Each structure stands twice: as structure tokens, then as C-alpha cells.
Amino acid sequence: MYGYSDITNAGNKVSTSFQGFFTNSLPTFEKRLDRYFLENFEAIIDEWALLTEDDLLELERRLDKAIDSLRKLEKSRSEIEDDLMEIQSLISELETEHGN
């Protein structure tokens, strides 16, 4: 009759043999995947509409440029509003001086 330790040892042997099977099989599978991705990298990027690091850098550069342009526009807008208020004040003074 088998004892608990015999069953445990048998289970460990089976577990170890499965681990060995998977460990030996996976690197081959990984190598095939790596080779596939290397050979088809550009097509995968195009098909899946993925961005490369260069694409991201270009988008960041364009975003920075757009933000800078918006800041300049906001500054110009503020200056124009200040000028408009000054012109309105001068018009009011002129109207007061000339009695209109």
C-alpha cells in the first residue's frame, strides 16, 4: 500500500516533468513569435495603427508648438482687449470734451 509520502513524491515527479515540458517548449515558441514580429513589424504597426516612439516624439513636438501658439494668441487677445478699453476711454473723453 502506498503512503502519503509516496503519493506526494509521485505528484512532485509529475509536476516537475510538466514544468520541464513547458520550459523546454516555450523558448521555441517565443523565438518563433520574436522572428514573426521582427519580420512583420512595419505591417503590424500599420495594420493595428500603432505609434512608434518617433511618432510619439513628433506628436509631442507638435503639441508643444500648438500650446505655444495658443499662449501667444491669448497674450495677443489680452493686449487687444486692453487696447480696446483704452480706445473706449479716449472716445468717452472726447465725447465729454465736445459735449456729445
Foldseek 3Di string as FASTA:
>chain_A
DDDPVRVVVVVVVVVVVVVVVCVVPVVVVVVVVVVVCVVCVVVVCVVVVNDDPVRVVVVVVVVVVVVVVVVVVVVVVVVVVVVVVVVVVVVVVVCVVVVD
